[in-house]
Amino acid sequence: MTSDATVRQRLARIGCALLLGAASTALGASGPADPYARDLLILTDWFEGEFDNEGQVWFERDPLSATPEAARHERLHTLHRRIEAPAFGEHVFYVEEYRDNDPAQIVRQRLVVFRSDPEAGGIRMQQGFFRDGERYLGSYQAPEQLTRLKPRQVQFLSECDVFWRRVAGQFEGRMKEKACVFGDGAKRRYSVHNLWLSQSKYWRVDATYLVSDGSRHVGFPDDEPHQLRRAKRYQCEAQFGAPGSDRQKIEGLSLHSQGGSFTVTRAADGQAFDVLMREKEYPFYSQRPDFIYFSIRRSGEQRSVAYTVNDPRSRSLGVNFDDMLFYCYLEGYAFRERYDALL
């Protein structure tokens, strides 16, 4: 997950790049100006991180939404990690995605490359398929293993490139119409891969249609998108035992804000606890604010034994109940910030 400090550094680099570009133009530097240079930097900065549609899944399952079961979306969690892979270009990402909150259920693995394409009228996104995908699973956590990746190890289909353009305060990406075609005979079909990206949201439509008659083969009615939100990553620890005693301490735990969870076990009695974090956007109420919900439950139960409700900008969260202490802090939080930096 991208930390606040990293974002500030990147924005500073963007500003420096723009100043240098303006200075070069003022000095009469040769070569045509790239009208998408700035958009390319912003788009790739927003693209990095992790996203989850747990909020959409929760909403569609709520009886108040009246969403038919056939129209409910599955839970997706997608990881976009910027990598150094010089053989492919400057703006390269490793993408890994899983369903149902289970990292073992991988549904998407890509090498994604962005570049400005003025002739196409925007930013081109190439999607590469690994010829030996198993070898690179988990590269989100170990990007260094992709540094020496060679073009022969990845297959790109130019017909399936996505073209992005800025629309107001966000970006929209689409394939060329009916260009990404695959399959044989009656099952020959074309792909629709539409995307919307803002600083906090990543929405995506994945569907296929039969070439023969244009009927939908895979996808949701009306191309309803998966509505993923940017997740913030928190580092956590758990403690069990009375204060002053030899407390059991479990460190190195990680949790994300879009329905992230982990399970820990109290050694004294073998009781397992599920820890859950949800950043809520309430669709039904006009008065209630958005918030982060931090909950502790006995494994297998829906009722919380302890929970706290916090401002979504919270950098640290904690619950102290009975002999238990659970504490999380936002990844990248320095703890030593000046007062004026917190305003």
Protein backbone atom coordinates (compact mmCIF):
# COMPACT_ATOMS: atom_id res chain seq x y z
CA MET A 1 0.00 0.00 0.00
CA THR A 2 1.28 3.45 -0.81
CA SER A 3 2.07 5.47 2.35
CA ASP A 4 1.26 9.17 2.80
CA ALA A 5 4.99 9.98 2.70
CA THR A 6 5.41 8.12 -0.59
CA VAL A 7 2.45 9.95 -2.12
CA ARG A 8 3.92 13.29 -1.06
CA GLN A 9 7.26 12.36 -2.60
CA ARG A 10 5.61 11.36 -5.87
CA LEU A 11 3.54 14.52 -6.03
CA ALA A 12 6.74 16.48 -5.45
CA ARG A 13 8.36 14.62 -8.34
CA ILE A 14 5.34 15.36 -10.52
CA GLY A 15 5.65 19.04 -9.66
CA CYS A 16 9.37 19.04 -10.46
CA ALA A 17 8.72 17.27 -13.76
CA LEU A 18 6.12 19.85 -14.73
CA LEU A 19 8.43 22.72 -13.82
CA LEU A 20 11.26 21.20 -15.82
CA GLY A 21 8.92 20.65 -18.77
CA ALA A 22 7.76 24.26 -18.62
CA ALA A 23 11.35 25.47 -18.40
CA SER A 24 12.34 23.39 -21.43
CA THR A 25 9.45 24.82 -23.43
CA ALA A 26 10.34 28.34 -22.40
CA LEU A 27 13.93 27.78 -23.51
CA GLY A 28 12.76 26.58 -26.90
CA ALA A 29 13.62 22.93 -26.48
CA SER A 30 13.14 20.92 -29.67
CA GLY A 31 10.60 18.11 -30.03
CA PRO A 32 6.80 18.10 -29.85
CA ALA A 33 5.18 18.49 -26.44
CA ASP A 34 3.31 15.47 -25.07
CA PRO A 35 -0.24 16.55 -24.13
CA TYR A 36 -0.65 13.45 -21.93
CA ALA A 37 2.62 13.63 -19.96
CA ARG A 38 0.99 15.02 -16.82
CA ASP A 39 -2.02 12.70 -17.02
CA LEU A 40 0.32 9.71 -17.34
CA LEU A 41 2.01 10.58 -14.05
CA ILE A 42 -1.25 11.14 -12.20
CA LEU A 43 -2.95 8.04 -13.63
CA THR A 44 -0.08 5.73 -12.70
CA ASP A 45 0.15 7.28 -9.23
CA TRP A 46 -3.56 6.59 -8.62
CA PHE A 47 -3.33 3.11 -10.13
CA GLU A 48 -0.83 1.90 -7.55
CA GLY A 49 -2.15 0.36 -4.33
CA GLU A 50 -4.84 -2.14 -3.36
CA PHE A 51 -8.58 -2.03 -3.90
CA ASP A 52 -11.58 -4.01 -2.64
CA ASN A 53 -15.36 -4.01 -3.26
CA GLU A 54 -16.38 -5.31 0.18
CA GLY A 55 -18.60 -2.24 0.59
CA GLN A 56 -20.49 -3.06 -2.60
CA VAL A 57 -20.93 -6.70 -1.53
CA TRP A 58 -22.25 -5.60 1.88
CA PHE A 59 -24.71 -3.18 0.25
CA GLU A 60 -26.04 -5.73 -2.25
CA ARG A 61 -26.66 -8.29 0.51
CA ASP A 62 -28.55 -5.82 2.68
CA PRO A 63 -32.33 -6.36 2.32
CA LEU A 64 -32.81 -2.60 1.97
CA SER A 65 -30.97 -2.67 -1.36
CA ALA A 66 -33.37 -5.26 -2.85
CA THR A 67 -30.57 -6.54 -5.10
CA PRO A 68 -31.54 -9.84 -6.79
CA GLU A 69 -29.13 -12.63 -5.90
CA ALA A 70 -28.20 -13.15 -9.56
CA ALA A 71 -27.13 -9.50 -9.80
CA ARG A 72 -24.89 -9.52 -6.74
CA HIS A 73 -21.16 -9.12 -7.33
CA GLU A 74 -18.52 -11.44 -5.94
CA ARG A 75 -15.92 -9.99 -3.60
CA LEU A 76 -12.69 -8.96 -5.36
CA HIS A 77 -9.41 -7.70 -3.93
CA THR A 78 -6.85 -6.39 -6.40
CA LEU A 79 -3.19 -5.52 -5.78
CA HIS A 80 -1.32 -3.13 -8.08
CA ARG A 81 2.41 -2.94 -7.37
CA ARG A 82 4.73 -0.61 -9.29
CA ILE A 83 7.88 -2.48 -10.30
CA GLU A 84 11.22 -1.83 -11.93
CA ALA A 85 11.24 -3.84 -15.16
CA PRO A 86 13.37 -1.85 -17.64
CA ALA A 87 12.76 -4.24 -20.51
CA PHE A 88 9.09 -3.16 -20.59
CA GLY A 89 9.20 0.58 -19.99
CA GLU A 90 9.05 3.21 -17.28
CA HIS A 91 5.53 2.75 -15.88
CA VAL A 92 5.18 -0.97 -15.18
CA PHE A 93 2.94 -2.74 -12.64
CA TYR A 94 2.46 -6.24 -11.33
CA VAL A 95 -1.27 -6.97 -10.85
CA GLU A 96 -2.67 -9.83 -8.78
CA GLU A 97 -6.32 -10.27 -7.85
CA TYR A 98 -8.25 -12.77 -5.74
CA ARG A 99 -11.89 -13.40 -4.84
CA ASP A 100 -13.92 -14.05 -1.67
CA ASN A 101 -11.26 -12.55 0.61
CA ASP A 102 -9.08 -15.62 -0.05
CA PRO A 103 -5.55 -14.95 -1.42
CA ALA A 104 -5.45 -18.54 -2.68
CA GLN A 105 -8.31 -17.90 -5.13
CA ILE A 106 -6.35 -15.99 -7.78
CA VAL A 107 -8.53 -14.77 -10.65
CA ARG A 108 -6.23 -12.28 -12.37
CA GLN A 109 -2.48 -11.97 -12.83
CA ARG A 110 -1.05 -9.41 -15.23
CA LEU A 111 1.98 -7.35 -16.11
CA VAL A 112 0.56 -3.91 -16.93
CA VAL A 113 2.47 -1.25 -18.87
CA PHE A 114 1.35 2.37 -19.32
CA ARG A 115 2.64 4.82 -21.93
CA SER A 116 1.46 8.00 -23.53
CA ASP A 117 0.02 7.53 -27.02
CA PRO A 118 -0.88 10.92 -28.55
CA GLU A 119 -1.81 9.30 -31.87
CA ALA A 120 -4.47 7.23 -30.09
CA GLY A 121 -5.65 10.29 -28.18
CA GLY A 122 -4.75 9.23 -24.66
CA ILE A 123 -2.78 6.79 -22.54
CA ARG A 124 -2.31 3.20 -23.68
CA MET A 125 -2.39 0.36 -21.12
CA GLN A 126 -0.94 -2.95 -22.29
CA GLN A 127 -1.89 -6.12 -20.41
CA GLY A 128 0.67 -8.91 -20.39
CA PHE A 129 -0.01 -12.56 -19.56
CA PHE A 130 2.81 -14.47 -17.84
CA ARG A 131 3.88 -17.60 -19.69
CA ASP A 132 4.80 -19.11 -16.31
CA GLY A 133 2.36 -17.41 -13.96
CA GLU A 134 2.86 -19.82 -11.04
CA ARG A 135 6.49 -18.77 -10.81
CA TYR A 136 5.58 -15.15 -10.15
CA LEU A 137 2.58 -15.51 -7.83
CA GLY A 138 3.03 -13.28 -4.80
CA SER A 139 5.32 -10.84 -6.59
CA TYR A 140 3.32 -8.04 -5.02
CA GLN A 141 5.32 -8.76 -1.87
CA ALA A 142 8.59 -9.50 -3.68
CA PRO A 143 8.78 -7.17 -6.72
CA GLU A 144 12.54 -7.56 -7.01
CA GLN A 145 12.07 -10.97 -8.67
CA LEU A 146 10.53 -9.18 -11.68
CA THR A 147 13.44 -6.80 -12.29
CA ARG A 148 15.09 -9.11 -14.84
CA LEU A 149 11.85 -10.18 -16.51
CA LYS A 150 12.27 -10.53 -20.29
CA PRO A 151 9.71 -9.74 -23.03
CA ARG A 152 9.70 -13.39 -24.13
CA GLN A 153 8.33 -14.35 -20.70
CA VAL A 154 5.16 -12.29 -21.16
CA GLN A 155 2.56 -12.33 -23.93
CA PHE A 156 0.80 -9.10 -24.91
CA LEU A 157 -2.28 -8.90 -27.14
CA SER A 158 -2.32 -5.46 -28.76
CA GLU A 159 -5.97 -5.91 -29.75
CA CYS A 160 -6.81 -5.97 -26.02
CA ASP A 161 -5.01 -2.75 -25.06
CA VAL A 162 -6.99 -0.29 -22.95
CA PHE A 163 -7.00 3.42 -23.80
CA TRP A 164 -7.39 5.91 -20.97
CA ARG A 165 -8.46 9.54 -21.08
CA ARG A 166 -9.17 12.10 -18.40
CA VAL A 167 -12.83 12.97 -17.86
CA ALA A 168 -13.25 15.76 -15.31
CA GLY A 169 -11.64 14.59 -12.05
CA GLN A 170 -11.16 10.94 -12.98
CA PHE A 171 -9.89 8.67 -15.77
CA GLU A 172 -11.88 6.36 -18.02
CA GLY A 173 -10.33 3.40 -19.80
CA ARG A 174 -11.81 1.30 -22.62
CA MET A 175 -10.77 -1.24 -25.22
CA LYS A 176 -11.46 -0.53 -28.85
CA GLU A 177 -14.93 -1.76 -29.68
CA LYS A 178 -15.07 -5.47 -30.58
CA ALA A 179 -11.28 -5.57 -31.05
CA CYS A 180 -10.32 -8.11 -28.35
CA VAL A 181 -11.71 -11.31 -29.92
CA PHE A 182 -10.98 -14.90 -28.89
CA GLY A 183 -12.51 -18.39 -28.91
CA ASP A 184 -13.71 -20.59 -31.76
CA GLY A 185 -16.94 -21.49 -33.49
CA ALA A 186 -20.19 -20.65 -31.75
CA LYS A 187 -18.24 -19.54 -28.65
CA ARG A 188 -16.16 -16.95 -30.49
CA ARG A 189 -16.58 -13.79 -28.46
CA TYR A 190 -15.20 -10.31 -27.83
CA SER A 191 -14.21 -8.75 -24.54
CA VAL A 192 -15.41 -5.55 -22.89
CA HIS A 193 -13.02 -4.17 -20.27
CA ASN A 194 -14.19 -0.73 -19.09
CA LEU A 195 -12.51 1.03 -16.18
CA TRP A 196 -12.92 4.16 -14.09
CA LEU A 197 -10.19 5.37 -11.76
CA SER A 198 -10.12 8.26 -9.29
CA GLN A 199 -7.91 8.96 -6.31
CA SER A 200 -10.07 6.72 -4.10
CA LYS A 201 -12.16 4.51 -6.43
CA TYR A 202 -11.45 1.83 -9.03
CA TRP A 203 -14.52 0.57 -10.89
CA ARG A 204 -14.36 -2.10 -13.57
CA VAL A 205 -16.63 -3.90 -16.02
CA ASP A 206 -15.50 -7.29 -17.32
CA ALA A 207 -17.83 -8.91 -19.82
CA THR A 208 -17.78 -10.95 -23.02
CA TYR A 209 -20.28 -11.03 -25.89
CA LEU A 210 -20.78 -13.59 -28.63
CA VAL A 211 -19.57 -12.37 -32.01
CA SER A 212 -22.39 -14.21 -33.78
CA ASP A 213 -25.31 -12.26 -32.31
CA GLY A 214 -23.88 -9.81 -29.75
CA SER A 215 -25.56 -11.57 -26.81
CA ARG A 216 -23.92 -11.48 -23.40
CA HIS A 217 -21.80 -14.53 -22.65
CA VAL A 218 -20.29 -13.52 -19.28
CA GLY A 219 -21.00 -10.41 -17.22
CA PHE A 220 -23.60 -8.59 -15.16
CA PRO A 221 -26.85 -7.13 -16.51
CA ASP A 222 -26.44 -3.60 -17.84
CA ASP A 223 -22.66 -4.03 -17.40
CA GLU A 224 -22.92 -3.08 -13.73
CA PRO A 225 -19.29 -2.57 -12.59
CA HIS A 226 -17.40 -4.03 -9.68
CA GLN A 227 -17.08 -1.00 -7.41
CA LEU A 228 -13.71 -1.26 -5.71
CA ARG A 229 -12.44 1.33 -3.24
CA ARG A 230 -8.85 2.11 -2.34
CA ALA A 231 -7.78 0.24 0.80
CA LYS A 232 -5.49 1.67 3.44
CA ARG A 233 -3.06 -0.76 5.03
CA TYR A 234 -2.63 -0.94 8.82
CA GLN A 235 0.04 -2.74 10.87
CA CYS A 236 -1.31 -4.38 14.02
CA GLU A 237 -0.49 -6.29 17.18
CA ALA A 238 -2.54 -8.26 19.72
CA GLN A 239 -1.93 -8.89 23.41
CA PHE A 240 -3.59 -11.27 25.87
CA GLY A 241 -3.19 -11.40 29.65
CA ALA A 242 -3.69 -9.15 32.63
CA PRO A 243 -1.55 -5.98 32.88
CA GLY A 244 1.66 -6.66 34.76
CA SER A 245 1.67 -10.37 33.95
CA ASP A 246 3.58 -12.22 31.25
CA ARG A 247 1.33 -11.13 28.43
CA GLN A 248 1.08 -13.01 25.16
CA LYS A 249 2.06 -10.65 22.38
CA ILE A 250 1.47 -11.25 18.67
CA GLU A 251 3.15 -8.77 16.34
CA GLY A 252 3.58 -8.33 12.59
CA LEU A 253 -0.15 -8.53 11.81
CA SER A 254 -1.54 -6.66 8.79
CA LEU A 255 -5.03 -5.39 8.05
CA HIS A 256 -6.60 -3.33 5.26
CA SER A 257 -9.50 -0.94 5.67
CA GLN A 258 -11.89 -2.41 3.09
CA GLY A 259 -13.10 -5.46 4.98
CA GLY A 260 -9.66 -6.76 5.90
CA SER A 261 -9.44 -9.44 8.59
CA PHE A 262 -7.09 -11.78 10.42
CA THR A 263 -7.45 -14.44 13.15
CA VAL A 264 -5.36 -14.84 16.31
CA THR A 265 -5.54 -17.44 19.08
CA ARG A 266 -5.28 -16.84 22.83
CA ALA A 267 -2.74 -19.36 24.11
CA ALA A 268 -4.23 -19.54 27.62
CA ASP A 269 -7.44 -21.25 26.51
CA GLY A 270 -7.15 -21.82 22.75
CA GLN A 271 -9.92 -19.32 21.96
CA ALA A 272 -9.58 -17.83 18.46
CA PHE A 273 -10.62 -14.26 17.66
CA ASP A 274 -11.38 -12.66 14.30
CA VAL A 275 -10.31 -9.05 13.84
CA LEU A 276 -12.17 -7.06 11.16
CA MET A 277 -11.85 -3.55 9.74
CA ARG A 278 -14.42 -1.88 7.48
CA GLU A 279 -14.38 1.64 6.09
CA LYS A 280 -18.06 2.42 5.60
CA GLU A 281 -19.85 4.68 3.15
CA TYR A 282 -23.50 4.51 4.18
CA PRO A 283 -25.78 4.62 1.12
CA PHE A 284 -29.05 4.64 3.05
CA TYR A 285 -28.61 7.61 5.37
CA SER A 286 -28.12 11.31 4.72
CA GLN A 287 -27.11 12.22 8.28
CA ARG A 288 -24.66 9.55 9.43
CA PRO A 289 -21.00 10.20 8.65
CA ASP A 290 -18.63 7.76 6.99
CA PHE A 291 -16.48 5.85 9.47
CA ILE A 292 -14.01 3.01 10.08
CA TYR A 293 -15.45 0.10 12.05
CA PHE A 294 -12.89 -1.98 14.01
CA SER A 295 -14.35 -5.18 15.48
CA ILE A 296 -13.18 -8.14 17.61
CA ARG A 297 -15.25 -11.34 17.45
CA ARG A 298 -14.92 -14.88 18.67
CA SER A 299 -14.22 -16.97 15.58
CA GLY A 300 -17.39 -18.22 13.95
CA GLU A 301 -19.62 -15.61 15.61
CA GLN A 302 -21.14 -12.49 14.08
CA ARG A 303 -21.56 -10.59 17.33
CA SER A 304 -18.61 -8.44 18.42
CA VAL A 305 -17.13 -8.83 21.89
CA ALA A 306 -15.64 -5.35 21.44
CA TYR A 307 -15.59 -2.74 18.70
CA THR A 308 -14.84 0.90 18.05
CA VAL A 309 -16.10 3.41 15.46
CA ASN A 310 -13.58 5.94 14.18
CA ASP A 311 -13.16 8.79 11.74
CA PRO A 312 -12.08 7.37 8.33
CA ARG A 313 -8.93 9.53 8.52
CA SER A 314 -7.81 7.77 11.72
CA ARG A 315 -4.14 6.82 11.78
CA SER A 316 -4.34 4.56 14.83
CA LEU A 317 -7.11 2.32 16.16
CA GLY A 318 -7.29 0.33 19.39
CA VAL A 319 -9.59 -1.82 21.50
CA ASN A 320 -8.86 -2.79 25.11
CA PHE A 321 -11.38 -5.24 26.53
CA ASP A 322 -11.08 -7.60 29.51
CA ASP A 323 -7.58 -9.12 29.17
CA MET A 324 -7.27 -8.30 25.45
CA LEU A 325 -5.58 -5.43 23.64
CA PHE A 326 -5.72 -4.98 19.86
CA TYR A 327 -3.92 -2.04 18.28
CA CYS A 328 -3.36 -0.97 14.65
CA TYR A 329 -1.60 2.00 13.06
CA LEU A 330 -1.67 3.26 9.49
CA GLU A 331 1.25 2.01 7.43
CA GLY A 332 3.75 4.84 7.01
CA TYR A 333 2.51 6.76 10.05
CA ALA A 334 5.60 8.37 11.60
CA PHE A 335 4.19 9.02 15.13
CA ARG A 336 6.49 12.06 15.48
CA GLU A 337 4.73 14.58 13.31
CA ARG A 338 4.64 18.25 14.21
CA TYR A 339 1.32 19.63 15.32
CA ASP A 340 0.99 21.83 12.21
CA ALA A 341 1.52 18.76 10.00
CA LEU A 342 -1.56 17.13 11.52
CA LEU A 343 -3.87 20.05 10.66
